[in-house]
Structure formats: C-alpha cells, structure tokens
Amino acid sequence: MTDKWTDKWNRRYNKEDFAYGEQPNHFLKEQLEKIVLGAILFPAEGEGRNAVFAAKLGWNVSAFDISTEGQKKALLLAEKNNVIINYKVGELKTLNYSVEQFDAIALIYAHFPADIKSQLHKTLDHYLQQGGTIIFEAFSKNHLGYQAKNESVGGPKDIESLFSVDEILADFSNYDIIELREEEIDLREGLYHNGQGCVIRFVGKKQ
C-alpha cells in the first residue's frame, strides 16, 4: 500500500477521541455471541474497538492494520479493558500468520484499496480453518447515494472500493452462506460513522 494510504489512517487515528468510538460494531457483537470461542483475526482493525470486545468475551484475538497510530490506540483500549490482543502493524503478506490458524475472521469496514481487496479476501481464506466463520460488514456500492446526502455517514468515495453481493459471492465462493444481504442501517459509531448508510452484511462458514 502507498505511503499516502498509510498517512491517511495515521492522521485519522492520532487524535485523542476514537474515530469510530470504543464500542463494538453492532452486527459483529450480535454474531460473535452466536459462535463458539476460539482464535479470531481482525484485519484493518484500526483503534481496536472490535478486537477488544472479542477479547472481553474470551476470544484469542489477533489483529492488524497499516497504522501505527491505530495500534497505539488499540493497545491503550485493551489495557483500559484489562484484556490482551496480539496486534501487528503491516500488510497482510508480511505478517506470517499460519494456514488455518483462525476459527473466525471479522472484516468490519475493512475497505482495502480496490485493486487488492478481492485478492486479500482470498488470502485471508487460507488462514481460516475448515468450518470457520467469516463475519463481514462494509459499505455497499449503493452507499454513495447516502453519502451524497450526508457526508457524516463516512465510507470510501470511490465505487470500486465499495462492495456488492455478487463480489462477496465471488470472493467467498467456498463458503456456506448463513447470512448475505444488502441493508440500509443507521450508524452511530464515533466521529465518522453517523447517519443512514447502505451496507453488505455477510456471515459464512468455510466448507
């Protein structure tokens, strides 16, 4: 990823306030409470709100992001909540996770650059055990219309970085679909996710 991309997220996360709040994403919270505890990975985890929540539930938590500022905030949040998370900084290909290391992977607003997002999904699949669970929520391509009415809802401004149901079906073709839908939701997450938006929600079990 480019220095420009890394700088963007370091700038967002180097403030005292948490960009997306300290509370977990609602969909993630709902789904994690349905599945058996194990090892979970949080890609593009930012300031750690979701990873810390999972650790409080008893998950063995790993996370990564390209932002050193995000890591600092995440580790402070973990300390505040008396939990431990294994948080690495860097691109996925450099982080040396093991094949089938995880029982679950949570992709929560993990909007990778358009030219690599599908390949990253397929790489992440190698790190998930057979029978493991993907939990996914991110903005859909139709979100641009919502964003035009209210910039406070956040999200990427280029359609190629957004998602469609068809893309998820293609990227996770070897999964049994538990849930997959495009949905209008009301977001109240910190400074940058506020208002009505349109998201893709997906839960899948690896075949």
N, C-alpha and C. Protein backbone atom coordinates (compact mmCIF):
# COMPACT_ATOMS: atom_id res chain seq x y z
N MET A 1 0.84 -1.19 0.00
CA MET A 1 0.00 0.00 0.00
C MET A 1 0.88 1.25 0.00
N THR A 2 0.35 2.34 -0.46
CA THR A 2 1.15 3.55 -0.63
C THR A 2 1.32 4.28 0.70
N ASP A 3 2.36 5.12 0.76
CA ASP A 3 2.56 5.96 1.94
C ASP A 3 1.37 6.89 2.14
N LYS A 4 0.75 7.33 1.04
CA LYS A 4 -0.42 8.21 1.13
C LYS A 4 -1.55 7.52 1.89
N TRP A 5 -1.77 6.25 1.58
CA TRP A 5 -2.83 5.47 2.24
C TRP A 5 -2.53 5.32 3.72
N THR A 6 -1.28 4.98 4.05
CA THR A 6 -0.88 4.83 5.45
C THR A 6 -1.01 6.16 6.19
N ASP A 7 -0.56 7.24 5.58
CA ASP A 7 -0.63 8.56 6.21
C ASP A 7 -2.07 8.96 6.51
N LYS A 8 -2.99 8.61 5.61
CA LYS A 8 -4.40 8.94 5.83
C LYS A 8 -4.90 8.35 7.14
N TRP A 9 -4.59 7.08 7.37
CA TRP A 9 -5.11 6.42 8.57
C TRP A 9 -4.35 6.84 9.81
N ASN A 10 -3.07 7.12 9.70
CA ASN A 10 -2.35 7.64 10.86
C ASN A 10 -2.89 9.00 11.29
N ARG A 11 -3.24 9.83 10.31
CA ARG A 11 -3.83 11.13 10.65
C ARG A 11 -5.19 10.95 11.33
N ARG A 12 -5.97 10.02 10.85
CA ARG A 12 -7.30 9.81 11.42
C ARG A 12 -7.21 9.30 12.86
N TYR A 13 -6.22 8.47 13.14
CA TYR A 13 -6.16 7.82 14.44
C TYR A 13 -5.28 8.53 15.46
N ASN A 14 -4.62 9.62 15.08
CA ASN A 14 -3.70 10.23 16.04
C ASN A 14 -4.35 11.29 16.94
N LYS A 15 -5.67 11.32 16.96
CA LYS A 15 -6.41 12.22 17.84
C LYS A 15 -6.74 11.51 19.16
N GLU A 16 -7.10 12.31 20.15
CA GLU A 16 -7.45 11.73 21.45
C GLU A 16 -8.73 10.92 21.37
N ASP A 17 -9.74 11.44 20.68
CA ASP A 17 -11.01 10.72 20.54
C ASP A 17 -10.84 9.53 19.60
N PHE A 18 -11.68 8.53 19.80
CA PHE A 18 -11.65 7.35 18.93
C PHE A 18 -12.51 7.61 17.70
N ALA A 19 -11.91 7.43 16.53
CA ALA A 19 -12.57 7.80 15.27
C ALA A 19 -13.93 7.12 15.11
N TYR A 20 -14.01 5.86 15.49
CA TYR A 20 -15.25 5.10 15.33
C TYR A 20 -15.80 4.64 16.69
N GLY A 21 -15.37 5.32 17.74
CA GLY A 21 -15.85 5.01 19.07
C GLY A 21 -15.11 3.85 19.73
N GLU A 22 -15.49 3.57 20.95
CA GLU A 22 -14.87 2.49 21.71
C GLU A 22 -15.76 1.26 21.81
N GLN A 23 -17.00 1.38 21.36
CA GLN A 23 -17.93 0.25 21.44
C GLN A 23 -17.87 -0.59 20.16
N PRO A 24 -18.14 -1.88 20.25
CA PRO A 24 -18.05 -2.74 19.07
C PRO A 24 -19.14 -2.45 18.06
N ASN A 25 -18.88 -2.81 16.83
CA ASN A 25 -19.89 -2.77 15.78
C ASN A 25 -21.07 -3.67 16.18
N HIS A 26 -22.28 -3.19 15.94
CA HIS A 26 -23.47 -3.91 16.40
C HIS A 26 -23.59 -5.29 15.75
N PHE A 27 -23.40 -5.35 14.45
CA PHE A 27 -23.53 -6.64 13.74
C PHE A 27 -22.50 -7.63 14.23
N LEU A 28 -21.26 -7.18 14.40
CA LEU A 28 -20.22 -8.07 14.93
C LEU A 28 -20.61 -8.59 16.31
N LYS A 29 -21.03 -7.71 17.18
CA LYS A 29 -21.42 -8.11 18.54
C LYS A 29 -22.50 -9.19 18.49
N GLU A 30 -23.49 -8.96 17.67
CA GLU A 30 -24.61 -9.90 17.53
C GLU A 30 -24.12 -11.27 17.05
N GLN A 31 -23.20 -11.28 16.09
CA GLN A 31 -22.74 -12.54 15.51
C GLN A 31 -21.75 -13.28 16.41
N LEU A 32 -20.85 -12.55 17.05
CA LEU A 32 -19.84 -13.20 17.91
C LEU A 32 -20.50 -13.95 19.06
N GLU A 33 -21.59 -13.43 19.53
CA GLU A 33 -22.26 -14.06 20.66
C GLU A 33 -22.99 -15.34 20.28
N LYS A 34 -23.00 -15.67 18.97
CA LYS A 34 -23.68 -16.88 18.49
C LYS A 34 -22.72 -18.05 18.27
N ILE A 35 -21.40 -17.78 18.21
CA ILE A 35 -20.47 -18.84 17.81
C ILE A 35 -19.50 -19.20 18.93
N VAL A 36 -18.93 -20.39 18.81
CA VAL A 36 -18.05 -20.93 19.85
C VAL A 36 -16.75 -20.15 19.88
N LEU A 37 -16.26 -19.89 21.09
CA LEU A 37 -14.99 -19.18 21.26
C LEU A 37 -13.83 -19.93 20.63
N GLY A 38 -12.83 -19.17 20.19
CA GLY A 38 -11.62 -19.74 19.60
C GLY A 38 -10.65 -18.62 19.28
N ALA A 39 -9.93 -18.77 18.20
CA ALA A 39 -8.96 -17.76 17.74
C ALA A 39 -9.60 -16.96 16.61
N ILE A 40 -9.50 -15.64 16.70
CA ILE A 40 -10.13 -14.76 15.72
C ILE A 40 -9.14 -13.71 15.23
N LEU A 41 -9.27 -13.37 13.96
CA LEU A 41 -8.42 -12.34 13.33
C LEU A 41 -9.28 -11.16 12.90
N PHE A 42 -8.78 -9.95 13.20
CA PHE A 42 -9.42 -8.71 12.78
C PHE A 42 -8.49 -7.96 11.83
N PRO A 43 -8.70 -8.08 10.51
CA PRO A 43 -7.94 -7.27 9.55
C PRO A 43 -8.40 -5.81 9.57
N ALA A 44 -7.48 -4.91 9.28
CA ALA A 44 -7.79 -3.47 9.21
C ALA A 44 -8.53 -3.02 10.46
N GLU A 45 -7.98 -3.33 11.62
CA GLU A 45 -8.70 -3.19 12.89
C GLU A 45 -8.63 -1.79 13.48
N GLY A 46 -7.83 -0.90 12.92
CA GLY A 46 -7.86 0.48 13.40
C GLY A 46 -7.55 0.61 14.87
N GLU A 47 -8.46 1.24 15.60
CA GLU A 47 -8.22 1.56 17.01
C GLU A 47 -8.68 0.48 17.99
N GLY A 48 -9.12 -0.66 17.48
CA GLY A 48 -9.25 -1.84 18.32
C GLY A 48 -10.57 -2.09 19.00
N ARG A 49 -11.61 -1.31 18.68
CA ARG A 49 -12.87 -1.46 19.42
C ARG A 49 -13.46 -2.87 19.31
N ASN A 50 -13.38 -3.46 18.12
CA ASN A 50 -13.97 -4.78 17.92
C ASN A 50 -13.09 -5.89 18.49
N ALA A 51 -11.79 -5.74 18.33
CA ALA A 51 -10.85 -6.73 18.88
C ALA A 51 -10.93 -6.78 20.40
N VAL A 52 -11.02 -5.63 21.03
CA VAL A 52 -11.10 -5.58 22.49
C VAL A 52 -12.40 -6.21 22.97
N PHE A 53 -13.49 -5.94 22.28
CA PHE A 53 -14.76 -6.57 22.65
C PHE A 53 -14.65 -8.09 22.58
N ALA A 54 -14.07 -8.60 21.49
CA ALA A 54 -13.93 -10.06 21.35
C ALA A 54 -13.07 -10.63 22.48
N ALA A 55 -11.99 -9.93 22.82
CA ALA A 55 -11.13 -10.40 23.90
C ALA A 55 -11.88 -10.44 25.23
N LYS A 56 -12.75 -9.48 25.45
CA LYS A 56 -13.55 -9.47 26.69
C LYS A 56 -14.50 -10.66 26.75
N LEU A 57 -14.92 -11.15 25.59
CA LEU A 57 -15.78 -12.34 25.54
C LEU A 57 -15.00 -13.63 25.80
N GLY A 58 -13.67 -13.56 25.66
CA GLY A 58 -12.84 -14.74 25.86
C GLY A 58 -12.17 -15.28 24.61
N TRP A 59 -12.30 -14.57 23.48
CA TRP A 59 -11.61 -14.98 22.26
C TRP A 59 -10.10 -14.76 22.38
N ASN A 60 -9.34 -15.59 21.67
CA ASN A 60 -7.90 -15.38 21.48
C ASN A 60 -7.77 -14.47 20.25
N VAL A 61 -7.41 -13.21 20.47
CA VAL A 61 -7.57 -12.18 19.45
C VAL A 61 -6.25 -11.79 18.81
N SER A 62 -6.24 -11.83 17.48
CA SER A 62 -5.16 -11.24 16.67
C SER A 62 -5.78 -10.15 15.81
N ALA A 63 -4.98 -9.13 15.50
CA ALA A 63 -5.47 -8.02 14.68
C ALA A 63 -4.30 -7.41 13.94
N PHE A 64 -4.60 -6.73 12.84
CA PHE A 64 -3.54 -5.99 12.15
C PHE A 64 -4.12 -4.78 11.44
N ASP A 65 -3.23 -3.84 11.16
CA ASP A 65 -3.57 -2.63 10.43
C ASP A 65 -2.27 -2.06 9.90
N ILE A 66 -2.36 -1.14 8.94
CA ILE A 66 -1.15 -0.47 8.45
C ILE A 66 -0.80 0.75 9.29
N SER A 67 -1.64 1.13 10.24
CA SER A 67 -1.47 2.36 11.01
C SER A 67 -0.84 2.11 12.37
N THR A 68 0.32 2.69 12.60
CA THR A 68 0.94 2.62 13.93
C THR A 68 0.11 3.39 14.95
N GLU A 69 -0.54 4.47 14.52
CA GLU A 69 -1.38 5.24 15.43
C GLU A 69 -2.60 4.42 15.86
N GLY A 70 -3.15 3.65 14.93
CA GLY A 70 -4.26 2.77 15.28
C GLY A 70 -3.84 1.73 16.30
N GLN A 71 -2.66 1.15 16.10
CA GLN A 71 -2.16 0.15 17.04
C GLN A 71 -2.00 0.75 18.45
N LYS A 72 -1.45 1.95 18.53
CA LYS A 72 -1.26 2.59 19.84
C LYS A 72 -2.59 2.73 20.57
N LYS A 73 -3.60 3.21 19.85
CA LYS A 73 -4.90 3.41 20.47
C LYS A 73 -5.52 2.06 20.87
N ALA A 74 -5.35 1.07 20.02
CA ALA A 74 -5.92 -0.25 20.30
C ALA A 74 -5.30 -0.86 21.56
N LEU A 75 -4.00 -0.75 21.69
CA LEU A 75 -3.34 -1.32 22.87
C LEU A 75 -3.72 -0.57 24.14
N LEU A 76 -3.91 0.74 24.03
CA LEU A 76 -4.39 1.51 25.18
C LEU A 76 -5.81 1.08 25.57
N LEU A 77 -6.66 0.87 24.56
CA LEU A 77 -8.03 0.43 24.83
C LEU A 77 -8.04 -0.96 25.46
N ALA A 78 -7.17 -1.83 24.99
CA ALA A 78 -7.07 -3.17 25.58
C ALA A 78 -6.64 -3.09 27.04
N GLU A 79 -5.65 -2.24 27.31
CA GLU A 79 -5.18 -2.07 28.69
C GLU A 79 -6.30 -1.52 29.57
N LYS A 80 -7.03 -0.56 29.06
CA LYS A 80 -8.15 0.03 29.81
C LYS A 80 -9.19 -1.03 30.16
N ASN A 81 -9.36 -2.01 29.29
CA ASN A 81 -10.37 -3.06 29.49
C ASN A 81 -9.79 -4.35 30.07
N ASN A 82 -8.51 -4.31 30.44
CA ASN A 82 -7.86 -5.45 31.11
C ASN A 82 -7.88 -6.72 30.26
N VAL A 83 -7.61 -6.55 28.96
CA VAL A 83 -7.50 -7.70 28.07
C VAL A 83 -6.22 -7.58 27.25
N ILE A 84 -5.86 -8.68 26.61
CA ILE A 84 -4.67 -8.72 25.76
C ILE A 84 -5.09 -9.03 24.33
N ILE A 85 -4.58 -8.26 23.38
CA ILE A 85 -4.77 -8.55 21.95
C ILE A 85 -3.40 -8.56 21.28
N ASN A 86 -3.24 -9.45 20.33
CA ASN A 86 -1.99 -9.54 19.55
C ASN A 86 -2.18 -8.71 18.30
N TYR A 87 -1.66 -7.50 18.30
CA TYR A 87 -1.92 -6.52 17.25
C TYR A 87 -0.62 -6.23 16.50
N LYS A 88 -0.60 -6.52 15.20
CA LYS A 88 0.56 -6.29 14.36
C LYS A 88 0.31 -5.12 13.41
N VAL A 89 1.39 -4.48 13.01
CA VAL A 89 1.31 -3.40 12.02
C VAL A 89 2.03 -3.85 10.75
N GLY A 90 1.33 -3.70 9.62
CA GLY A 90 1.93 -4.06 8.35
C GLY A 90 0.89 -4.59 7.38
N GLU A 91 1.35 -4.91 6.18
CA GLU A 91 0.48 -5.51 5.18
C GLU A 91 0.38 -7.01 5.41
N LEU A 92 -0.73 -7.59 5.04
CA LEU A 92 -1.03 -8.99 5.34
C LEU A 92 0.09 -9.92 4.93
N LYS A 93 0.66 -9.70 3.74
CA LYS A 93 1.68 -10.62 3.21
C LYS A 93 2.95 -10.64 4.06
N THR A 94 3.14 -9.65 4.93
CA THR A 94 4.36 -9.57 5.74
C THR A 94 4.18 -10.11 7.16
N LEU A 95 2.99 -10.54 7.52
CA LEU A 95 2.69 -10.76 8.93
C LEU A 95 2.81 -12.20 9.40
N ASN A 96 3.01 -13.14 8.50
CA ASN A 96 3.37 -14.52 8.85
C ASN A 96 2.33 -15.24 9.70
N TYR A 97 1.06 -15.02 9.39
CA TYR A 97 0.04 -15.87 10.00
C TYR A 97 0.13 -17.27 9.41
N SER A 98 -0.37 -18.25 10.15
CA SER A 98 -0.26 -19.65 9.73
C SER A 98 -1.53 -20.10 9.01
N VAL A 99 -1.36 -21.03 8.10
CA VAL A 99 -2.51 -21.62 7.41
C VAL A 99 -3.46 -22.24 8.44
N GLU A 100 -4.73 -21.92 8.30
CA GLU A 100 -5.79 -22.43 9.18
C GLU A 100 -5.55 -22.10 10.65
N GLN A 101 -4.97 -20.94 10.91
CA GLN A 101 -4.69 -20.52 12.28
C GLN A 101 -5.95 -20.10 13.05
N PHE A 102 -6.96 -19.63 12.32
CA PHE A 102 -8.08 -18.97 12.99
C PHE A 102 -9.40 -19.73 12.83
N ASP A 103 -10.24 -19.59 13.86
CA ASP A 103 -11.59 -20.15 13.84
C ASP A 103 -12.60 -19.16 13.28
N ALA A 104 -12.23 -17.88 13.29
CA ALA A 104 -13.11 -16.84 12.76
C ALA A 104 -12.27 -15.67 12.26
N ILE A 105 -12.78 -14.98 11.26
CA ILE A 105 -12.19 -13.74 10.76
C ILE A 105 -13.30 -12.71 10.66
N ALA A 106 -13.06 -11.53 11.22
CA ALA A 106 -14.07 -10.47 11.23
C ALA A 106 -13.59 -9.31 10.37
N LEU A 107 -14.28 -9.07 9.29
CA LEU A 107 -13.98 -7.97 8.37
C LEU A 107 -15.05 -6.89 8.57
N ILE A 108 -14.74 -5.92 9.41
CA ILE A 108 -15.70 -4.88 9.76
C ILE A 108 -15.21 -3.55 9.20
N TYR A 109 -15.86 -3.10 8.14
CA TYR A 109 -15.46 -1.89 7.41
C TYR A 109 -13.98 -1.96 7.02
N ALA A 110 -13.58 -3.13 6.56
CA ALA A 110 -12.21 -3.35 6.08
C ALA A 110 -12.18 -3.03 4.59
N HIS A 111 -12.17 -1.74 4.29
CA HIS A 111 -12.20 -1.26 2.91
C HIS A 111 -10.77 -1.12 2.39
N PHE A 112 -10.24 -2.22 1.88
CA PHE A 112 -8.91 -2.20 1.28
C PHE A 112 -8.96 -1.51 -0.09
N PRO A 113 -7.82 -1.05 -0.59
CA PRO A 113 -7.80 -0.44 -1.93
C PRO A 113 -8.42 -1.37 -2.97
N ALA A 114 -9.10 -0.77 -3.93
CA ALA A 114 -9.89 -1.53 -4.90
C ALA A 114 -9.09 -2.58 -5.65
N ASP A 115 -7.83 -2.27 -5.95
CA ASP A 115 -7.05 -3.19 -6.78
C ASP A 115 -6.57 -4.42 -6.03
N ILE A 116 -6.71 -4.45 -4.71
CA ILE A 116 -6.22 -5.61 -3.95
C ILE A 116 -7.28 -6.25 -3.06
N LYS A 117 -8.47 -5.68 -3.00
CA LYS A 117 -9.42 -6.15 -1.98
C LYS A 117 -9.85 -7.60 -2.18
N SER A 118 -10.12 -8.01 -3.42
CA SER A 118 -10.54 -9.40 -3.64
C SER A 118 -9.41 -10.38 -3.37
N GLN A 119 -8.20 -10.03 -3.76
CA GLN A 119 -7.06 -10.91 -3.51
C GLN A 119 -6.81 -11.05 -2.01
N LEU A 120 -6.98 -9.97 -1.27
CA LEU A 120 -6.81 -10.06 0.18
C LEU A 120 -7.86 -10.97 0.81
N HIS A 121 -9.09 -10.90 0.33
CA HIS A 121 -10.12 -11.81 0.83
C HIS A 121 -9.71 -13.26 0.59
N LYS A 122 -9.18 -13.54 -0.58
CA LYS A 122 -8.80 -14.91 -0.91
C LYS A 122 -7.57 -15.35 -0.13
N THR A 123 -6.67 -14.42 0.17
CA THR A 123 -5.52 -14.75 1.01
C THR A 123 -5.97 -15.03 2.45
N LEU A 124 -6.86 -14.20 2.95
CA LEU A 124 -7.36 -14.41 4.31
C LEU A 124 -8.02 -15.79 4.45
N ASP A 125 -8.65 -16.25 3.41
CA ASP A 125 -9.29 -17.57 3.44
C ASP A 125 -8.31 -18.67 3.84
N HIS A 126 -7.04 -18.55 3.44
CA HIS A 126 -6.04 -19.58 3.78
C HIS A 126 -5.81 -19.68 5.28
N TYR A 127 -6.06 -18.58 5.99
CA TYR A 127 -5.78 -18.55 7.42
C TYR A 127 -6.97 -19.01 8.27
N LEU A 128 -8.08 -19.33 7.61
CA LEU A 128 -9.29 -19.76 8.32
C LEU A 128 -9.44 -21.27 8.24
N GLN A 129 -9.72 -21.89 9.38
CA GLN A 129 -9.92 -23.33 9.41
C GLN A 129 -11.18 -23.73 8.64
N GLN A 130 -11.18 -24.97 8.15
CA GLN A 130 -12.40 -25.52 7.59
C GLN A 130 -13.47 -25.52 8.68
N GLY A 131 -14.66 -25.03 8.33
CA GLY A 131 -15.72 -24.89 9.31
C GLY A 131 -15.68 -23.57 10.05
N GLY A 132 -14.64 -22.76 9.77
CA GLY A 132 -14.52 -21.46 10.41
C GLY A 132 -15.50 -20.45 9.83
N THR A 133 -15.65 -19.34 10.53
CA THR A 133 -16.68 -18.34 10.21
C THR A 133 -16.07 -17.02 9.77
N ILE A 134 -16.61 -16.47 8.70
CA ILE A 134 -16.34 -15.09 8.28
C ILE A 134 -17.51 -14.22 8.72
N ILE A 135 -17.21 -13.11 9.37
CA ILE A 135 -18.22 -12.09 9.70
C ILE A 135 -17.82 -10.81 8.97
N PHE A 136 -18.72 -10.29 8.17
CA PHE A 136 -18.38 -9.18 7.27
C PHE A 136 -19.46 -8.11 7.31
N GLU A 137 -19.04 -6.86 7.52
CA GLU A 137 -19.93 -5.72 7.29
C GLU A 137 -19.10 -4.60 6.69
N ALA A 138 -19.57 -4.05 5.57
CA ALA A 138 -18.89 -2.92 4.92
C ALA A 138 -19.89 -2.23 4.01
N PHE A 139 -19.53 -1.03 3.58
CA PHE A 139 -20.43 -0.25 2.76
C PHE A 139 -20.61 -0.85 1.37
N SER A 140 -21.84 -0.80 0.88
CA SER A 140 -22.16 -1.31 -0.45
C SER A 140 -21.96 -0.22 -1.50
N LYS A 141 -21.99 -0.64 -2.74
CA LYS A 141 -21.83 0.32 -3.84
C LYS A 141 -22.96 1.35 -3.86
N ASN A 142 -24.12 0.97 -3.35
CA ASN A 142 -25.24 1.91 -3.30
C ASN A 142 -25.10 2.94 -2.17
N HIS A 143 -24.07 2.78 -1.36
CA HIS A 143 -23.84 3.72 -0.26
C HIS A 143 -23.51 5.13 -0.75
N LEU A 144 -22.99 5.24 -1.95
CA LEU A 144 -22.60 6.57 -2.45
C LEU A 144 -23.78 7.54 -2.46
N GLY A 145 -24.97 7.04 -2.73
CA GLY A 145 -26.15 7.90 -2.71
C GLY A 145 -26.45 8.43 -1.32
N TYR A 146 -26.24 7.61 -0.31
CA TYR A 146 -26.44 8.04 1.08
C TYR A 146 -25.38 9.05 1.48
N GLN A 147 -24.16 8.78 1.06
CA GLN A 147 -23.04 9.66 1.38
C GLN A 147 -23.22 11.04 0.76
N ALA A 148 -23.80 11.08 -0.45
CA ALA A 148 -24.04 12.36 -1.11
C ALA A 148 -25.01 13.24 -0.31
N LYS A 149 -25.92 12.60 0.41
CA LYS A 149 -26.89 13.34 1.22
C LYS A 149 -26.34 13.70 2.59
N ASN A 150 -25.37 12.91 3.07
CA ASN A 150 -24.85 13.11 4.43
C ASN A 150 -23.42 12.57 4.52
N GLU A 151 -22.45 13.46 4.40
CA GLU A 151 -21.05 13.02 4.45
C GLU A 151 -20.66 12.45 5.81
N SER A 152 -21.42 12.77 6.85
CA SER A 152 -21.09 12.30 8.19
C SER A 152 -21.21 10.79 8.34
N VAL A 153 -21.90 10.14 7.39
CA VAL A 153 -22.02 8.69 7.49
C VAL A 153 -20.73 7.98 7.13
N GLY A 154 -19.82 8.69 6.43
CA GLY A 154 -18.50 8.15 6.15
C GLY A 154 -18.47 7.14 5.02
N GLY A 155 -17.33 6.49 4.88
CA GLY A 155 -17.13 5.49 3.84
C GLY A 155 -16.32 6.00 2.67
N PRO A 156 -15.73 5.08 1.89
CA PRO A 156 -14.97 5.47 0.70
C PRO A 156 -15.84 6.22 -0.30
N LYS A 157 -15.20 7.09 -1.06
CA LYS A 157 -15.93 7.88 -2.05
C LYS A 157 -15.83 7.33 -3.46
N ASP A 158 -15.06 6.26 -3.65
CA ASP A 158 -14.95 5.65 -4.98
C ASP A 158 -15.69 4.32 -4.98
N ILE A 159 -16.46 4.10 -6.01
CA ILE A 159 -17.35 2.94 -6.05
C ILE A 159 -16.58 1.62 -6.07
N GLU A 160 -15.37 1.61 -6.60
CA GLU A 160 -14.61 0.37 -6.70
C GLU A 160 -14.13 -0.13 -5.35
N SER A 161 -14.06 0.76 -4.35
CA SER A 161 -13.66 0.34 -3.01
C SER A 161 -14.85 -0.17 -2.19
N LEU A 162 -16.05 -0.02 -2.73
CA LEU A 162 -17.26 -0.48 -2.07
C LEU A 162 -17.61 -1.89 -2.56
N PHE A 163 -18.63 -2.49 -1.96
CA PHE A 163 -18.90 -3.91 -2.20
C PHE A 163 -20.30 -4.15 -2.76
N SER A 164 -20.44 -5.29 -3.40
CA SER A 164 -21.75 -5.77 -3.86
C SER A 164 -21.92 -7.21 -3.38
N VAL A 165 -23.17 -7.66 -3.37
CA VAL A 165 -23.44 -9.06 -3.03
C VAL A 165 -22.71 -9.99 -3.99
N ASP A 166 -22.69 -9.65 -5.26
CA ASP A 166 -22.01 -10.50 -6.25
C ASP A 166 -20.51 -10.62 -5.97
N GLU A 167 -19.88 -9.54 -5.54
CA GLU A 167 -18.46 -9.60 -5.20
C GLU A 167 -18.21 -10.53 -4.02
N ILE A 168 -19.06 -10.46 -3.03
CA ILE A 168 -18.90 -11.34 -1.86
C ILE A 168 -19.08 -12.79 -2.27
N LEU A 169 -20.07 -13.06 -3.11
CA LEU A 169 -20.28 -14.43 -3.59
C LEU A 169 -19.06 -14.95 -4.34
N ALA A 170 -18.42 -14.07 -5.12
CA ALA A 170 -17.24 -14.47 -5.88
C ALA A 170 -16.02 -14.66 -4.98
N ASP A 171 -15.81 -13.74 -4.05
CA ASP A 171 -14.63 -13.79 -3.19
C ASP A 171 -14.69 -14.95 -2.20
N PHE A 172 -15.90 -15.31 -1.76
CA PHE A 172 -16.07 -16.35 -0.75
C PHE A 172 -16.93 -17.49 -1.31
N SER A 173 -16.55 -17.95 -2.50
CA SER A 173 -17.36 -18.95 -3.20
C SER A 173 -17.35 -20.31 -2.51
N ASN A 174 -16.37 -20.56 -1.67
CA ASN A 174 -16.25 -21.85 -0.97
C ASN A 174 -16.83 -21.79 0.44
N TYR A 175 -17.87 -20.98 0.61
CA TYR A 175 -18.50 -20.81 1.92
C TYR A 175 -19.98 -21.15 1.86
N ASP A 176 -20.47 -21.79 2.91
CA ASP A 176 -21.91 -21.92 3.10
C ASP A 176 -22.43 -20.59 3.65
N ILE A 177 -23.45 -20.05 3.01
CA ILE A 177 -23.95 -18.74 3.39
C ILE A 177 -24.95 -18.88 4.54
N ILE A 178 -24.62 -18.24 5.64
CA ILE A 178 -25.53 -18.17 6.78
C ILE A 178 -26.41 -16.93 6.65
N GLU A 179 -25.78 -15.81 6.30
CA GLU A 179 -26.49 -14.57 6.01
C GLU A 179 -25.74 -13.85 4.90
N LEU A 180 -26.48 -13.24 3.99
CA LEU A 180 -25.89 -12.36 2.98
C LEU A 180 -26.98 -11.44 2.47
N ARG A 181 -26.82 -10.16 2.75
CA ARG A 181 -27.84 -9.21 2.33
C ARG A 181 -27.26 -7.80 2.24
N GLU A 182 -27.90 -7.00 1.41
CA GLU A 182 -27.64 -5.57 1.37
C GLU A 182 -28.74 -4.90 2.19
N GLU A 183 -28.34 -3.95 3.03
CA GLU A 183 -29.30 -3.44 4.01
C GLU A 183 -29.03 -1.97 4.31
N GLU A 184 -30.10 -1.20 4.47
CA GLU A 184 -29.99 0.16 4.97
C GLU A 184 -29.93 0.11 6.49
N ILE A 185 -28.94 0.78 7.08
CA ILE A 185 -28.81 0.79 8.53
C ILE A 185 -28.56 2.22 9.01
N ASP A 186 -28.78 2.42 10.30
CA ASP A 186 -28.48 3.70 10.94
C ASP A 186 -27.23 3.52 11.78
N LEU A 187 -26.19 4.24 11.45
CA LEU A 187 -24.90 4.11 12.12
C LEU A 187 -24.71 5.21 13.14
N ARG A 188 -24.20 4.82 14.31
CA ARG A 188 -23.79 5.76 15.35
C ARG A 188 -22.49 5.23 15.94
N GLU A 189 -21.40 5.45 15.20
CA GLU A 189 -20.10 4.91 15.60
C GLU A 189 -19.06 6.04 15.60
N GLY A 190 -18.81 6.60 16.78
CA GLY A 190 -17.75 7.58 16.92
C GLY A 190 -17.97 8.84 16.10
N LEU A 191 -16.87 9.36 15.54
CA LEU A 191 -16.88 10.62 14.82
C LEU A 191 -17.24 10.49 13.35
N TYR A 192 -17.01 9.31 12.76
CA TYR A 192 -17.02 9.20 11.30
C TYR A 192 -18.08 8.30 10.70
N HIS A 193 -18.88 7.64 11.53
CA HIS A 193 -19.98 6.81 11.02
C HIS A 193 -21.27 7.27 11.68
N ASN A 194 -21.93 8.27 11.10
CA ASN A 194 -23.14 8.80 11.72
C ASN A 194 -24.20 9.10 10.66
N GLY A 195 -25.29 8.34 10.74
CA GLY A 195 -26.39 8.55 9.81
C GLY A 195 -26.78 7.27 9.10
N GLN A 196 -27.70 7.40 8.16
CA GLN A 196 -28.15 6.25 7.39
C GLN A 196 -27.14 5.91 6.30
N GLY A 197 -26.87 4.63 6.17
CA GLY A 197 -25.97 4.15 5.13
C GLY A 197 -26.47 2.84 4.56
N CYS A 198 -25.77 2.35 3.57
CA CYS A 198 -26.15 1.09 2.92
C CYS A 198 -24.96 0.14 2.99
N VAL A 199 -25.17 -1.04 3.55
CA VAL A 199 -24.06 -1.97 3.80
C VAL A 199 -24.37 -3.36 3.24
N ILE A 200 -23.30 -4.11 3.07
CA ILE A 200 -23.40 -5.55 2.84
C ILE A 200 -23.08 -6.25 4.14
N ARG A 201 -23.94 -7.16 4.54
CA ARG A 201 -23.70 -7.99 5.73
C ARG A 201 -23.62 -9.45 5.29
N PHE A 202 -22.59 -10.10 5.77
CA PHE A 202 -22.33 -11.48 5.33
C PHE A 202 -21.78 -12.28 6.51
N VAL A 203 -22.34 -13.47 6.70
CA VAL A 203 -21.78 -14.47 7.60
C VAL A 203 -21.69 -15.76 6.81
N GLY A 204 -20.50 -16.33 6.76
CA GLY A 204 -20.30 -17.56 6.00
C GLY A 204 -19.46 -18.56 6.76
N LYS A 205 -19.70 -19.83 6.49
CA LYS A 205 -18.93 -20.91 7.11
C LYS A 205 -18.12 -21.61 6.03
N LYS A 206 -16.82 -21.71 6.23
CA LYS A 206 -15.91 -22.29 5.23
C LYS A 206 -16.18 -23.77 5.06
N GLN A 207 -16.33 -24.17 3.81
CA GLN A 207 -16.62 -25.58 3.51
C GLN A 207 -15.36 -26.45 3.68
